[in-house]
Amino acid sequence: MWSTRMTTLESPRGPAAPEGPAKGASRVERWYGWVDAVAYVGLLNLLVIAFTVAGGVVAGWAPALAAATACSRARLRGDVQRVVRDFASRWRRQFVHANLLAAPSAAVLLCLGLNLIALTDRPGTGWLRAALVAAAAVGVAHLVLVLTMDAHYELRRGRCIRLAWSFLVRFPGAPLLLVATTALVVAATAFVPGLLPVLAIGAWVHLCTALCLSFYAANDRNLPAAT
């Protein structure tokens, strides 16, 4: 048994010989996968910006992010979709719903942002600014959880908002990962500002959606054990 394994591995004309073309093909497939992923993220980025502007920015950003989240969920699950058509359909169909769904998080983030601006250049307020930034990070995590929960589950709007807060409290590691991902994307965009209109928003939505789907899958697996 041992000698057979050694012979098979050492012989260039044995079963191991065709690995060269196979490795080349797998390398091409990996490159194609990367190019396809970057192209998808770029398209998603463009769609979010375009439909945010189409909604007048204030009313357009929430349905645009909701549509992008739903499209990313479909892609991660391997569902067949026509991204542009499905994005536009979801944006139009969920316009009012998405704005109402994101309103609590948006209101909190707006208040925190205004307070941060008011405290700028004021001496002795460093600790307060840090607390406001931490609260804003929690608000961003809640917004992401609300949008992904709405795309992944069939929940009423109020229940979705409450469950997102409950998820934040019960699983503190989840918001930490979402905040870290957001901070990484923001830092990369600050270092290379050209990423914002090309990749940054789409990459952020797709990465956060992937993280949230993994959180929900782990939680769903643990539900039978808990009951």
Protein backbone atom coordinates (compact mmCIF):
# COMPACT_ATOMS: atom_id res chain seq x y z
CA MET A 1 0.00 0.00 0.00
CA TRP A 2 2.79 2.38 0.92
CA SER A 3 4.90 1.55 -2.13
CA THR A 4 1.92 2.07 -4.44
CA ARG A 5 1.36 5.56 -3.08
CA MET A 6 5.02 6.45 -3.48
CA THR A 7 5.12 5.13 -7.07
CA THR A 8 2.03 7.09 -8.02
CA LEU A 9 3.44 10.31 -6.61
CA GLU A 10 6.92 9.94 -8.08
CA SER A 11 6.01 8.88 -11.61
CA PRO A 12 5.55 11.84 -14.00
CA ARG A 13 3.60 9.57 -16.37
CA GLY A 14 1.17 8.28 -13.72
CA PRO A 15 -2.17 9.62 -12.59
CA ALA A 16 -0.52 12.77 -11.22
CA ALA A 17 0.73 13.83 -14.66
CA PRO A 18 -2.39 15.72 -15.84
CA GLU A 19 -2.25 18.07 -12.83
CA GLY A 20 -0.45 20.76 -14.86
CA PRO A 21 -3.37 21.60 -17.16
CA ALA A 22 -5.80 21.13 -14.26
CA LYS A 23 -3.88 23.62 -12.13
CA GLY A 24 -3.79 26.05 -15.03
CA ALA A 25 -7.52 25.73 -15.53
CA SER A 26 -8.20 26.23 -11.82
CA ARG A 27 -5.96 29.31 -11.84
CA VAL A 28 -7.92 30.75 -14.77
CA GLU A 29 -11.18 30.00 -12.96
CA ARG A 30 -9.93 31.79 -9.86
CA TRP A 31 -8.91 34.83 -11.90
CA TYR A 32 -12.25 34.82 -13.65
CA GLY A 33 -14.00 34.63 -10.29
CA TRP A 34 -12.05 37.62 -9.00
CA VAL A 35 -12.72 39.68 -12.12
CA ASP A 36 -16.40 38.76 -12.01
CA ALA A 37 -16.62 39.75 -8.32
CA VAL A 38 -14.92 43.11 -8.93
CA ALA A 39 -17.18 43.78 -11.91
CA TYR A 40 -20.25 42.96 -9.83
CA VAL A 41 -19.14 45.21 -6.96
CA GLY A 42 -18.44 48.03 -9.43
CA LEU A 43 -21.88 47.65 -11.00
CA LEU A 44 -23.52 47.58 -7.57
CA ASN A 45 -21.61 50.73 -6.60
CA LEU A 46 -22.82 52.52 -9.74
CA LEU A 47 -26.42 51.43 -9.18
CA VAL A 48 -26.45 52.61 -5.56
CA ILE A 49 -25.15 56.05 -6.56
CA ALA A 50 -27.47 56.38 -9.57
CA PHE A 51 -30.63 55.36 -7.73
CA THR A 52 -29.72 57.43 -4.67
CA VAL A 53 -29.55 60.49 -6.93
CA ALA A 54 -32.75 59.40 -8.70
CA GLY A 55 -34.55 59.45 -5.35
CA GLY A 56 -33.32 62.92 -4.51
CA VAL A 57 -30.53 61.58 -2.27
CA VAL A 58 -32.50 62.04 0.97
CA ALA A 59 -35.28 59.66 -0.10
CA GLY A 60 -33.17 57.59 -2.46
CA TRP A 61 -30.29 56.23 -0.39
CA ALA A 62 -32.30 53.84 1.82
CA PRO A 63 -34.13 52.01 -1.02
CA ALA A 64 -30.86 51.95 -2.97
CA LEU A 65 -29.02 50.27 -0.09
CA ALA A 66 -31.96 47.90 0.47
CA ALA A 67 -31.96 46.90 -3.20
CA ALA A 68 -28.18 46.44 -3.17
CA THR A 69 -28.44 44.26 -0.06
CA ALA A 70 -31.11 42.08 -1.67
CA CYS A 71 -29.03 41.70 -4.85
CA SER A 72 -25.93 40.76 -2.83
CA ARG A 73 -27.93 38.22 -0.85
CA ALA A 74 -29.17 36.65 -4.09
CA ARG A 75 -25.62 36.50 -5.47
CA LEU A 76 -24.20 34.97 -2.29
CA ARG A 77 -26.93 32.32 -2.35
CA GLY A 78 -26.19 31.52 -5.99
CA ASP A 79 -29.59 32.68 -7.24
CA VAL A 80 -29.93 33.63 -10.90
CA GLN A 81 -30.64 37.33 -11.33
CA ARG A 82 -30.39 40.21 -13.76
CA VAL A 83 -28.72 42.71 -11.52
CA VAL A 84 -29.80 45.97 -13.14
CA ARG A 85 -33.41 44.96 -13.72
CA ASP A 86 -33.79 43.32 -10.29
CA PHE A 87 -32.14 46.27 -8.56
CA ALA A 88 -34.46 48.76 -10.25
CA SER A 89 -37.51 46.62 -9.49
CA ARG A 90 -36.63 46.28 -5.81
CA TRP A 91 -35.79 49.97 -5.49
CA ARG A 92 -39.15 50.97 -6.94
CA ARG A 93 -41.19 48.35 -5.09
CA GLN A 94 -39.62 48.99 -1.66
CA PHE A 95 -39.17 52.75 -1.92
CA VAL A 96 -41.52 53.71 0.92
CA HIS A 97 -40.86 50.58 2.97
CA ALA A 98 -37.07 50.99 2.90
CA ASN A 99 -37.26 54.65 3.90
CA LEU A 100 -39.50 53.85 6.86
CA LEU A 101 -37.29 50.89 7.79
CA ALA A 102 -34.11 52.97 7.82
CA ALA A 103 -35.70 56.05 9.42
CA PRO A 104 -34.87 55.25 13.09
CA SER A 105 -31.20 54.53 12.38
CA ALA A 106 -30.97 57.50 10.03
CA ALA A 107 -32.48 59.84 12.63
CA VAL A 108 -30.03 58.65 15.28
CA LEU A 109 -27.07 59.01 12.93
CA LEU A 110 -28.20 62.49 11.89
CA CYS A 111 -28.47 63.67 15.50
CA LEU A 112 -25.10 62.19 16.38
CA GLY A 113 -23.50 63.75 13.31
CA LEU A 114 -24.89 67.21 14.12
CA ASN A 115 -23.60 66.92 17.68
CA LEU A 116 -20.17 65.90 16.44
CA ILE A 117 -20.07 68.91 14.14
CA ALA A 118 -21.15 71.20 16.98
CA LEU A 119 -18.36 69.88 19.21
CA THR A 120 -15.64 70.29 16.60
CA ASP A 121 -12.69 72.40 17.83
CA ARG A 122 -14.19 72.72 21.30
CA PRO A 123 -11.56 72.02 23.98
CA GLY A 124 -12.21 69.39 26.61
CA THR A 125 -14.80 67.48 24.59
CA GLY A 126 -12.59 64.68 23.31
CA TRP A 127 -14.24 62.02 25.46
CA LEU A 128 -17.69 63.19 24.39
CA ARG A 129 -16.75 63.08 20.71
CA ALA A 130 -15.38 59.57 21.18
CA ALA A 131 -18.65 58.51 22.81
CA LEU A 132 -20.62 60.01 19.92
CA VAL A 133 -18.47 58.18 17.38
CA ALA A 134 -19.01 54.90 19.24
CA ALA A 135 -22.76 55.52 19.29
CA ALA A 136 -22.69 56.31 15.57
CA ALA A 137 -20.88 53.03 14.93
CA VAL A 138 -23.68 51.19 16.74
CA GLY A 139 -26.20 53.09 14.62
CA VAL A 140 -24.46 52.02 11.41
CA ALA A 141 -24.39 48.40 12.58
CA HIS A 142 -28.10 48.56 13.37
CA LEU A 143 -28.85 50.00 9.93
CA VAL A 144 -26.95 47.18 8.24
CA LEU A 145 -28.68 44.53 10.35
CA VAL A 146 -32.12 46.02 9.64
CA LEU A 147 -31.57 46.04 5.87
CA THR A 148 -30.13 42.53 5.76
CA MET A 149 -32.80 41.10 8.06
CA ASP A 150 -35.48 42.62 5.86
CA ALA A 151 -33.88 41.05 2.77
CA HIS A 152 -33.30 37.65 4.40
CA TYR A 153 -36.44 37.11 6.46
CA GLU A 154 -40.12 37.86 6.02
CA LEU A 155 -40.69 40.22 8.94
CA ARG A 156 -42.95 43.14 9.66
CA ARG A 157 -41.18 46.48 9.70
CA GLY A 158 -41.47 47.09 13.44
CA ARG A 159 -40.42 43.56 14.32
CA CYS A 160 -37.41 43.81 12.02
CA ILE A 161 -36.24 46.99 13.75
CA ARG A 162 -36.70 45.46 17.22
CA LEU A 163 -34.96 42.21 16.28
CA ALA A 164 -31.98 44.14 14.93
CA TRP A 165 -31.55 45.85 18.32
CA SER A 166 -31.97 42.51 20.08
CA PHE A 167 -29.34 40.96 17.81
CA LEU A 168 -26.92 43.79 18.62
CA VAL A 169 -27.28 43.16 22.34
CA ARG A 170 -27.22 39.36 22.28
CA PHE A 171 -24.34 39.00 19.81
CA PRO A 172 -21.90 41.90 20.37
CA GLY A 173 -19.33 40.28 18.11
CA ALA A 174 -21.59 40.85 15.10
CA PRO A 175 -21.67 44.67 15.30
CA LEU A 176 -17.95 44.71 16.04
CA LEU A 177 -17.24 42.88 12.78
CA LEU A 178 -19.62 45.14 10.87
CA VAL A 179 -18.04 48.26 12.36
CA ALA A 180 -14.54 46.94 11.61
CA THR A 181 -15.54 46.25 8.00
CA THR A 182 -17.05 49.72 7.69
CA ALA A 183 -13.94 51.32 9.19
CA LEU A 184 -11.72 49.36 6.80
CA VAL A 185 -13.70 50.51 3.77
CA VAL A 186 -13.73 54.11 5.02
CA ALA A 187 -9.96 54.04 5.64
CA ALA A 188 -9.28 52.58 2.19
CA THR A 189 -11.53 55.21 0.60
CA ALA A 190 -9.83 58.01 2.53
CA PHE A 191 -6.45 56.72 1.33
CA VAL A 192 -7.67 56.29 -2.27
CA PRO A 193 -10.64 58.68 -2.77
CA GLY A 194 -11.18 57.39 -6.29
CA LEU A 195 -12.60 54.17 -4.84
CA LEU A 196 -15.78 55.92 -3.69
CA PRO A 197 -17.48 56.32 -7.09
CA VAL A 198 -16.10 53.01 -8.38
CA LEU A 199 -15.99 50.27 -5.72
CA ALA A 200 -16.22 51.42 -2.10
CA ILE A 201 -19.99 51.46 -1.57
CA GLY A 202 -20.60 48.24 -3.47
CA ALA A 203 -17.79 46.46 -1.63
CA TRP A 204 -19.11 47.67 1.73
CA VAL A 205 -22.66 46.49 1.00
CA HIS A 206 -21.50 43.12 -0.32
CA LEU A 207 -19.09 42.43 2.55
CA CYS A 208 -21.60 43.45 5.22
CA THR A 209 -24.31 41.34 3.58
CA ALA A 210 -21.99 38.32 3.53
CA LEU A 211 -21.16 38.82 7.21
CA CYS A 212 -24.82 39.19 8.21
CA LEU A 213 -25.88 36.09 6.28
CA SER A 214 -23.22 34.12 8.15
CA PHE A 215 -24.49 35.54 11.46
CA TYR A 216 -28.06 34.57 10.65
CA ALA A 217 -27.09 31.10 9.46
CA ALA A 218 -25.21 30.44 12.71
CA ASN A 219 -28.12 31.77 14.74
CA ASP A 220 -30.64 29.63 12.82
CA ARG A 221 -28.51 26.52 13.39
CA ASN A 222 -28.48 27.18 17.13
CA LEU A 223 -32.24 27.69 17.39
CA PRO A 224 -33.16 23.94 17.49
CA ALA A 225 -30.52 23.33 20.16
CA ALA A 226 -31.89 26.19 22.25
CA THR A 227 -35.42 24.82 22.08
